[in-house]
Amino acid sequence: MMGSSNILFLITARKGSKGLPNKNMKVLGNFPLIQYSYNFATAVASSNDVVCVSTNDKNIYAHFDSKDEPLHFMRPDNLASETSTSDSVIQHALDFFKTQGKQFEFVFLLQPTSPFRLEEDFFAIKKAMETQIEMVVSVKKCKDSPYFNQFKESEEQNLEPIIKSKTFTRRQDVPPTYAYNGAYYYFRVDAFEKKSKMEFDQIKKFEMPSWRSIDIDTYEDWELAEFYLTKYTSING
């Protein structure tokens, strides 16, 4: 019989980035970018949880190994290409731990490009997970709205509203809309494995302020993150 673990904290960090080369090991403030996610996970994980970094980057592997925090495995290169899906990476990690006699009730997916997490986030997200809910995901409120000032280009190359509605004439009146910010994905393993992976039906939001919703992908994002570190020094630990 397999041992029962509760949460797999999975930090996904493949090698390479076109927008910002080697960003996961680039030093932001006091730490390499990936260290923020690892520090967060180890701070909130319980004794029956597991913190795992899934990477094919030897520099990341060596970084944690030098701190006596060796990683569980190296991710196969065929799961680290630009076309690799999050689903396949998650399933690979779950399958690996099954071979080690461990299975999990939840996965807490953390992307290294979102460094501005707080421990209280975890407890709020965990509380939001109810019996009928399959996933709690972090979001930011959108400034623009498909009801009011977001458009798509028609076949005739004309701009047309994404949602055509005569109901709303003022921006203040449109329903709030949200976008995933990439910081947190907390979901049930049984729902993940039964369905078409991350295509859940019952999803609850965990709203974060815009400054903590930064998802670092470009030099401009990096410079903005450095500014936030100087403004909110407590996040740098």
C-alpha atoms as a PDB file:
ATOM      1  CA  MET A   1       0.000   0.000   0.000  1.00  0.00           C
ATOM      2  CA  MET A   2       1.323   3.400  -0.939  1.00  0.00           C
ATOM      3  CA  GLY A   3       2.203   5.950   1.718  1.00  0.00           C
ATOM      4  CA  SER A   4      -0.233   8.824   2.029  1.00  0.00           C
ATOM      5  CA  SER A   5       1.060  12.352   1.493  1.00  0.00           C
ATOM      6  CA  ASN A   6      -1.132  15.398   1.330  1.00  0.00           C
ATOM      7  CA  ILE A   7       0.282  18.093  -0.966  1.00  0.00           C
ATOM      8  CA  LEU A   8       2.875  17.948  -3.715  1.00  0.00           C
ATOM      9  CA  PHE A   9       4.377  21.424  -4.043  1.00  0.00           C
ATOM     10  CA  LEU A  10       5.576  21.306  -7.637  1.00  0.00           C
ATOM     11  CA  ILE A  11       7.903  24.029  -8.915  1.00  0.00           C
ATOM     12  CA  THR A  12       8.225  23.827 -12.691  1.00  0.00           C
ATOM     13  CA  ALA A  13      11.415  25.306 -14.142  1.00  0.00           C
ATOM     14  CA  ARG A  14      12.553  24.212 -17.569  1.00  0.00           C
ATOM     15  CA  LYS A  15      15.874  25.332 -19.002  1.00  0.00           C
ATOM     16  CA  GLY A  16      15.958  28.229 -21.410  1.00  0.00           C
ATOM     17  CA  SER A  17      13.918  31.360 -22.004  1.00  0.00           C
ATOM     18  CA  LYS A  18      13.782  33.495 -25.124  1.00  0.00           C
ATOM     19  CA  GLY A  19      12.366  36.579 -23.420  1.00  0.00           C
ATOM     20  CA  LEU A  20      14.843  36.599 -20.525  1.00  0.00           C
ATOM     21  CA  PRO A  21      17.691  34.056 -20.838  1.00  0.00           C
ATOM     22  CA  ASN A  22      18.367  31.878 -17.775  1.00  0.00           C
ATOM     23  CA  LYS A  23      15.808  33.850 -15.796  1.00  0.00           C
ATOM     24  CA  ASN A  24      15.167  31.116 -13.208  1.00  0.00           C
ATOM     25  CA  MET A  25      18.743  31.420 -11.905  1.00  0.00           C
ATOM     26  CA  LYS A  26      19.050  35.180 -12.405  1.00  0.00           C
ATOM     27  CA  VAL A  27      19.543  36.908  -9.033  1.00  0.00           C
ATOM     28  CA  LEU A  28      16.639  39.086  -7.940  1.00  0.00           C
ATOM     29  CA  GLY A  29      17.501  40.961  -4.763  1.00  0.00           C
ATOM     30  CA  ASN A  30      19.043  38.395  -2.422  1.00  0.00           C
ATOM     31  CA  PHE A  31      18.182  35.171  -4.254  1.00  0.00           C
ATOM     32  CA  PRO A  32      18.040  33.467  -7.640  1.00  0.00           C
ATOM     33  CA  LEU A  33      14.493  33.821  -8.945  1.00  0.00           C
ATOM     34  CA  ILE A  34      13.623  30.151  -8.390  1.00  0.00           C
ATOM     35  CA  GLN A  35      14.634  30.362  -4.742  1.00  0.00           C
ATOM     36  CA  TYR A  36      11.623  32.556  -3.943  1.00  0.00           C
ATOM     37  CA  SER A  37       9.242  29.765  -4.926  1.00  0.00           C
ATOM     38  CA  TYR A  38      11.283  27.161  -3.070  1.00  0.00           C
ATOM     39  CA  ASN A  39      11.470  29.298   0.088  1.00  0.00           C
ATOM     40  CA  PHE A  40       7.716  29.823  -0.009  1.00  0.00           C
ATOM     41  CA  ALA A  41       6.968  26.114  -0.444  1.00  0.00           C
ATOM     42  CA  THR A  42       9.283  24.947   2.326  1.00  0.00           C
ATOM     43  CA  ALA A  43       7.910  27.619   4.670  1.00  0.00           C
ATOM     44  CA  VAL A  44       4.289  26.438   4.360  1.00  0.00           C
ATOM     45  CA  ALA A  45       4.721  22.695   3.708  1.00  0.00           C
ATOM     46  CA  SER A  46       3.820  20.230   6.455  1.00  0.00           C
ATOM     47  CA  SER A  47       5.760  17.114   7.357  1.00  0.00           C
ATOM     48  CA  ASN A  48       3.576  14.900   5.134  1.00  0.00           C
ATOM     49  CA  ASP A  49       3.938  17.211   2.126  1.00  0.00           C
ATOM     50  CA  VAL A  50       6.683  17.089  -0.511  1.00  0.00           C
ATOM     51  CA  VAL A  51       8.435  20.016  -2.199  1.00  0.00           C
ATOM     52  CA  CYS A  52       9.676  19.100  -5.665  1.00  0.00           C
ATOM     53  CA  VAL A  53      11.473  21.083  -8.375  1.00  0.00           C
ATOM     54  CA  SER A  54      10.880  19.698 -11.864  1.00  0.00           C
ATOM     55  CA  THR A  55      13.691  20.906 -14.121  1.00  0.00           C
ATOM     56  CA  ASN A  56      16.031  19.826 -16.884  1.00  0.00           C
ATOM     57  CA  ASP A  57      18.479  22.630 -16.010  1.00  0.00           C
ATOM     58  CA  LYS A  58      21.758  21.291 -14.562  1.00  0.00           C
ATOM     59  CA  ASN A  59      22.524  24.709 -13.039  1.00  0.00           C
ATOM     60  CA  ILE A  60      19.298  24.636 -11.049  1.00  0.00           C
ATOM     61  CA  TYR A  61      20.018  21.069  -9.973  1.00  0.00           C
ATOM     62  CA  ALA A  62      23.528  22.028  -8.850  1.00  0.00           C
ATOM     63  CA  HIS A  63      22.219  25.089  -7.011  1.00  0.00           C
ATOM     64  CA  PHE A  64      19.974  23.055  -4.748  1.00  0.00           C
ATOM     65  CA  ASP A  65      22.468  20.227  -4.425  1.00  0.00           C
ATOM     66  CA  SER A  66      25.063  22.693  -3.122  1.00  0.00           C
ATOM     67  CA  LYS A  67      22.630  23.700  -0.378  1.00  0.00           C
ATOM     68  CA  ASP A  68      22.153  20.065   0.688  1.00  0.00           C
ATOM     69  CA  GLU A  69      18.659  20.210  -0.774  1.00  0.00           C
ATOM     70  CA  PRO A  70      19.045  17.724  -3.628  1.00  0.00           C
ATOM     71  CA  LEU A  71      16.230  17.489  -6.149  1.00  0.00           C
ATOM     72  CA  HIS A  72      14.214  14.315  -6.594  1.00  0.00           C
ATOM     73  CA  PHE A  73      14.852  13.884 -10.319  1.00  0.00           C
ATOM     74  CA  MET A  74      15.932  15.592 -13.525  1.00  0.00           C
ATOM     75  CA  ARG A  75      13.051  16.227 -15.894  1.00  0.00           C
ATOM     76  CA  PRO A  76      13.459  14.412 -19.240  1.00  0.00           C
ATOM     77  CA  ASP A  77      14.282  16.735 -22.133  1.00  0.00           C
ATOM     78  CA  ASN A  78      11.221  15.561 -24.053  1.00  0.00           C
ATOM     79  CA  LEU A  79       9.116  17.173 -21.295  1.00  0.00           C
ATOM     80  CA  ALA A  80      11.077  20.429 -21.365  1.00  0.00           C
ATOM     81  CA  SER A  81      10.562  21.725 -24.891  1.00  0.00           C
ATOM     82  CA  GLU A  82       8.550  24.793 -25.871  1.00  0.00           C
ATOM     83  CA  THR A  83       5.710  22.498 -26.891  1.00  0.00           C
ATOM     84  CA  SER A  84       5.646  20.496 -23.649  1.00  0.00           C
ATOM     85  CA  THR A  85       2.431  20.897 -21.692  1.00  0.00           C
ATOM     86  CA  SER A  86       1.989  21.575 -17.988  1.00  0.00           C
ATOM     87  CA  ASP A  87      -0.234  18.502 -17.882  1.00  0.00           C
ATOM     88  CA  SER A  88       2.587  16.195 -18.981  1.00  0.00           C
ATOM     89  CA  VAL A  89       5.036  17.722 -16.496  1.00  0.00           C
ATOM     90  CA  ILE A  90       2.575  17.348 -13.616  1.00  0.00           C
ATOM     91  CA  GLN A  91       1.757  13.757 -14.572  1.00  0.00           C
ATOM     92  CA  HIS A  92       5.455  12.912 -14.813  1.00  0.00           C
ATOM     93  CA  ALA A  93       6.022  14.109 -11.249  1.00  0.00           C
ATOM     94  CA  LEU A  94       2.984  12.242  -9.925  1.00  0.00           C
ATOM     95  CA  ASP A  95       4.084   9.049 -11.691  1.00  0.00           C
ATOM     96  CA  PHE A  96       7.614   9.390 -10.305  1.00  0.00           C
ATOM     97  CA  PHE A  97       6.386   9.602  -6.726  1.00  0.00           C
ATOM     98  CA  LYS A  98       4.045   6.684  -7.255  1.00  0.00           C
ATOM     99  CA  THR A  99       7.139   4.588  -8.016  1.00  0.00           C
ATOM    100  CA  GLN A 100       8.508   5.809  -4.669  1.00  0.00           C
ATOM    101  CA  GLY A 101       5.357   4.690  -2.851  1.00  0.00           C
ATOM    102  CA  LYS A 102       3.887   8.179  -2.447  1.00  0.00           C
ATOM    103  CA  GLN A 103       0.581   9.524  -3.643  1.00  0.00           C
ATOM    104  CA  PHE A 104      -0.961  12.921  -3.051  1.00  0.00           C
ATOM    105  CA  GLU A 105      -4.392  14.405  -2.544  1.00  0.00           C
ATOM    106  CA  PHE A 106      -3.431  17.831  -3.886  1.00  0.00           C
ATOM    107  CA  VAL A 107      -0.896  19.503  -6.152  1.00  0.00           C
ATOM    108  CA  PHE A 108       0.206  23.062  -5.428  1.00  0.00           C
ATOM    109  CA  LEU A 109       1.789  24.221  -8.679  1.00  0.00           C
ATOM    110  CA  LEU A 110       4.238  27.139  -8.394  1.00  0.00           C
ATOM    111  CA  GLN A 111       5.876  28.897 -11.334  1.00  0.00           C
ATOM    112  CA  PRO A 112       9.300  30.428 -10.555  1.00  0.00           C
ATOM    113  CA  THR A 113       8.385  33.547 -12.527  1.00  0.00           C
ATOM    114  CA  SER A 114       5.992  34.655  -9.752  1.00  0.00           C
ATOM    115  CA  PRO A 115       8.228  35.592  -6.802  1.00  0.00           C
ATOM    116  CA  PHE A 116       5.904  37.778  -4.731  1.00  0.00           C
ATOM    117  CA  ARG A 117       4.021  35.260  -2.606  1.00  0.00           C
ATOM    118  CA  LEU A 118       3.096  35.543   1.064  1.00  0.00           C
ATOM    119  CA  GLU A 119       2.643  32.707   3.532  1.00  0.00           C
ATOM    120  CA  GLU A 120      -0.861  33.911   4.385  1.00  0.00           C
ATOM    121  CA  ASP A 121      -1.796  33.322   0.739  1.00  0.00           C
ATOM    122  CA  PHE A 122      -1.350  29.599   1.236  1.00  0.00           C
ATOM    123  CA  PHE A 123      -3.685  29.374   4.208  1.00  0.00           C
ATOM    124  CA  ALA A 124      -6.357  31.453   2.451  1.00  0.00           C
ATOM    125  CA  ILE A 125      -6.122  29.267  -0.658  1.00  0.00           C
ATOM    126  CA  LYS A 126      -6.232  26.079   1.367  1.00  0.00           C
ATOM    127  CA  LYS A 127      -9.333  27.341   3.195  1.00  0.00           C
ATOM    128  CA  ALA A 128     -11.016  28.169  -0.116  1.00  0.00           C
ATOM    129  CA  MET A 129     -10.728  24.567  -1.297  1.00  0.00           C
ATOM    130  CA  GLU A 130     -14.127  23.023  -0.579  1.00  0.00           C
ATOM    131  CA  THR A 131     -15.346  19.491  -1.172  1.00  0.00           C
ATOM    132  CA  GLN A 132     -16.995  20.285  -4.504  1.00  0.00           C
ATOM    133  CA  ILE A 133     -14.205  22.548  -5.744  1.00  0.00           C
ATOM    134  CA  GLU A 134     -11.563  21.073  -8.047  1.00  0.00           C
ATOM    135  CA  MET A 135      -9.107  23.985  -8.207  1.00  0.00           C
ATOM    136  CA  VAL A 136      -8.294  27.296  -6.566  1.00  0.00           C
ATOM    137  CA  VAL A 137      -6.259  29.556  -8.852  1.00  0.00           C
ATOM    138  CA  SER A 138      -4.672  32.949  -8.301  1.00  0.00           C
ATOM    139  CA  VAL A 139      -5.920  35.821 -10.427  1.00  0.00           C
ATOM    140  CA  LYS A 140      -5.590  39.540 -10.911  1.00  0.00           C
ATOM    141  CA  LYS A 141      -8.467  41.840 -11.719  1.00  0.00           C
ATOM    142  CA  CYS A 142      -8.369  43.003 -15.327  1.00  0.00           C
ATOM    143  CA  LYS A 143      -8.184  46.718 -16.001  1.00  0.00           C
ATOM    144  CA  ASP A 144      -9.622  46.256 -19.490  1.00  0.00           C
ATOM    145  CA  SER A 145     -12.853  44.417 -20.127  1.00  0.00           C
ATOM    146  CA  PRO A 146     -14.186  42.314 -23.030  1.00  0.00           C
ATOM    147  CA  TYR A 147     -17.560  43.924 -22.271  1.00  0.00           C
ATOM    148  CA  PHE A 148     -16.296  47.444 -22.814  1.00  0.00           C
ATOM    149  CA  ASN A 149     -12.830  48.172 -24.217  1.00  0.00           C
ATOM    150  CA  GLN A 150     -11.314  44.921 -25.505  1.00  0.00           C
ATOM    151  CA  PHE A 151     -11.581  44.140 -29.198  1.00  0.00           C
ATOM    152  CA  LYS A 152     -10.692  41.515 -31.776  1.00  0.00           C
ATOM    153  CA  GLU A 153      -9.974  41.948 -35.464  1.00  0.00           C
ATOM    154  CA  SER A 154     -12.614  40.689 -37.888  1.00  0.00           C
ATOM    155  CA  GLU A 155     -11.913  38.883 -41.148  1.00  0.00           C
ATOM    156  CA  GLU A 156     -12.243  42.274 -42.812  1.00  0.00           C
ATOM    157  CA  GLN A 157      -9.541  43.550 -40.418  1.00  0.00           C
ATOM    158  CA  ASN A 158     -11.961  45.790 -38.582  1.00  0.00           C
ATOM    159  CA  LEU A 159     -11.973  46.031 -34.802  1.00  0.00           C
ATOM    160  CA  GLU A 160     -15.078  44.620 -33.180  1.00  0.00           C
ATOM    161  CA  PRO A 161     -15.975  44.104 -29.492  1.00  0.00           C
ATOM    162  CA  ILE A 162     -15.099  40.717 -28.031  1.00  0.00           C
ATOM    163  CA  ILE A 163     -18.469  40.707 -26.286  1.00  0.00           C
ATOM    164  CA  LYS A 164     -21.159  42.669 -28.064  1.00  0.00           C
ATOM    165  CA  SER A 165     -23.485  44.209 -25.510  1.00  0.00           C
ATOM    166  CA  LYS A 166     -25.674  47.289 -25.419  1.00  0.00           C
ATOM    167  CA  THR A 167     -26.186  46.898 -21.672  1.00  0.00           C
ATOM    168  CA  PHE A 168     -23.038  48.665 -20.553  1.00  0.00           C
ATOM    169  CA  THR A 169     -22.258  52.235 -21.495  1.00  0.00           C
ATOM    170  CA  ARG A 170     -19.803  53.009 -18.684  1.00  0.00           C
ATOM    171  CA  ARG A 171     -16.662  51.149 -17.697  1.00  0.00           C
ATOM    172  CA  GLN A 172     -17.696  51.313 -14.037  1.00  0.00           C
ATOM    173  CA  ASP A 173     -20.817  49.249 -14.763  1.00  0.00           C
ATOM    174  CA  VAL A 174     -19.264  46.225 -16.472  1.00  0.00           C
ATOM    175  CA  PRO A 175     -18.896  42.965 -14.517  1.00  0.00           C
ATOM    176  CA  PRO A 176     -15.390  42.450 -13.104  1.00  0.00           C
ATOM    177  CA  THR A 177     -13.207  40.131 -15.142  1.00  0.00           C
ATOM    178  CA  TYR A 178     -10.087  38.262 -14.074  1.00  0.00           C
ATOM    179  CA  ALA A 179      -6.948  36.740 -15.554  1.00  0.00           C
ATOM    180  CA  TYR A 180      -4.774  33.937 -14.183  1.00  0.00           C
ATOM    181  CA  ASN A 181      -1.576  35.540 -12.855  1.00  0.00           C
ATOM    182  CA  GLY A 182       0.518  32.342 -12.748  1.00  0.00           C
ATOM    183  CA  ALA A 183       1.351  32.420  -9.040  1.00  0.00           C
ATOM    184  CA  TYR A 184      -0.795  29.586  -7.657  1.00  0.00           C
ATOM    185  CA  TYR A 185      -2.618  26.545  -9.003  1.00  0.00           C
ATOM    186  CA  TYR A 186      -4.002  24.344  -6.209  1.00  0.00           C
ATOM    187  CA  PHE A 187      -6.000  21.358  -7.393  1.00  0.00           C
ATOM    188  CA  ARG A 188      -7.163  17.866  -6.523  1.00  0.00           C
ATOM    189  CA  VAL A 189      -5.119  15.022  -7.962  1.00  0.00           C
ATOM    190  CA  ASP A 190      -8.147  12.771  -8.512  1.00  0.00           C
ATOM    191  CA  ALA A 191      -9.875  15.483 -10.571  1.00  0.00           C
ATOM    192  CA  PHE A 192      -6.681  16.078 -12.559  1.00  0.00           C
ATOM    193  CA  GLU A 193      -6.267  12.411 -13.409  1.00  0.00           C
ATOM    194  CA  LYS A 194      -9.948  11.770 -14.199  1.00  0.00           C
ATOM    195  CA  LYS A 195     -10.542  14.739 -16.472  1.00  0.00           C
ATOM    196  CA  SER A 196      -8.746  16.242 -19.409  1.00  0.00           C
ATOM    197  CA  LYS A 197      -6.046  17.295 -17.002  1.00  0.00           C
ATOM    198  CA  MET A 198      -6.266  21.022 -16.143  1.00  0.00           C
ATOM    199  CA  GLU A 199      -9.710  21.492 -17.709  1.00  0.00           C
ATOM    200  CA  PHE A 200     -11.612  21.760 -14.433  1.00  0.00           C
ATOM    201  CA  ASP A 201     -15.225  22.813 -14.022  1.00  0.00           C
ATOM    202  CA  GLN A 202     -15.334  23.899 -10.386  1.00  0.00           C
ATOM    203  CA  ILE A 203     -12.730  26.650 -10.016  1.00  0.00           C
ATOM    204  CA  LYS A 204     -12.484  29.291  -7.324  1.00  0.00           C
ATOM    205  CA  LYS A 205     -10.401  32.430  -7.591  1.00  0.00           C
ATOM    206  CA  PHE A 206      -7.828  33.779  -5.172  1.00  0.00           C
ATOM    207  CA  GLU A 207      -7.412  37.436  -6.036  1.00  0.00           C
ATOM    208  CA  MET A 208      -4.014  39.101  -5.673  1.00  0.00           C
ATOM    209  CA  PRO A 209      -3.022  42.767  -6.043  1.00  0.00           C
ATOM    210  CA  SER A 210      -1.516  43.785  -9.358  1.00  0.00           C
ATOM    211  CA  TRP A 211       2.010  44.300  -8.018  1.00  0.00           C
ATOM    212  CA  ARG A 212       2.193  40.778  -6.596  1.00  0.00           C
ATOM    213  CA  SER A 213       0.704  39.390  -9.808  1.00  0.00           C
ATOM    214  CA  ILE A 214       3.828  40.088 -11.833  1.00  0.00           C
ATOM    215  CA  ASP A 215       4.871  37.179 -14.048  1.00  0.00           C
ATOM    216  CA  ILE A 216       8.486  37.716 -15.064  1.00  0.00           C
ATOM    217  CA  ASP A 217       9.068  36.944 -18.737  1.00  0.00           C
ATOM    218  CA  THR A 218      10.926  39.974 -20.141  1.00  0.00           C
ATOM    219  CA  TYR A 219      13.615  42.477 -19.131  1.00  0.00           C
ATOM    220  CA  GLU A 220      10.841  45.017 -18.541  1.00  0.00           C
ATOM    221  CA  ASP A 221       9.136  42.607 -16.126  1.00  0.00           C
ATOM    222  CA  TRP A 222      12.466  42.093 -14.356  1.00  0.00           C
ATOM    223  CA  GLU A 223      13.052  45.806 -13.917  1.00  0.00           C
ATOM    224  CA  LEU A 224       9.557  46.211 -12.533  1.00  0.00           C
ATOM    225  CA  ALA A 225      10.157  43.338 -10.095  1.00  0.00           C
ATOM    226  CA  GLU A 226      13.350  45.019  -8.901  1.00  0.00           C
ATOM    227  CA  PHE A 227      11.376  48.209  -8.280  1.00  0.00           C
ATOM    228  CA  TYR A 228       8.769  46.305  -6.247  1.00  0.00           C
ATOM    229  CA  LEU A 229      11.535  44.762  -4.146  1.00  0.00           C
ATOM    230  CA  THR A 230      12.764  48.215  -3.176  1.00  0.00           C
ATOM    231  CA  LYS A 231       9.226  49.361  -2.369  1.00  0.00           C
ATOM    232  CA  TYR A 232       8.132  46.237  -0.488  1.00  0.00           C
ATOM    233  CA  THR A 233      11.346  45.138   1.202  1.00  0.00           C
ATOM    234  CA  SER A 234       9.715  42.444   3.376  1.00  0.00           C
ATOM    235  CA  ILE A 235       9.159  40.241   0.311  1.00  0.00           C
ATOM    236  CA  ASN A 236      12.927  39.789  -0.112  1.00  0.00           C
ATOM    237  CA  GLY A 237      13.317  37.891   3.149  1.00  0.00           C
END
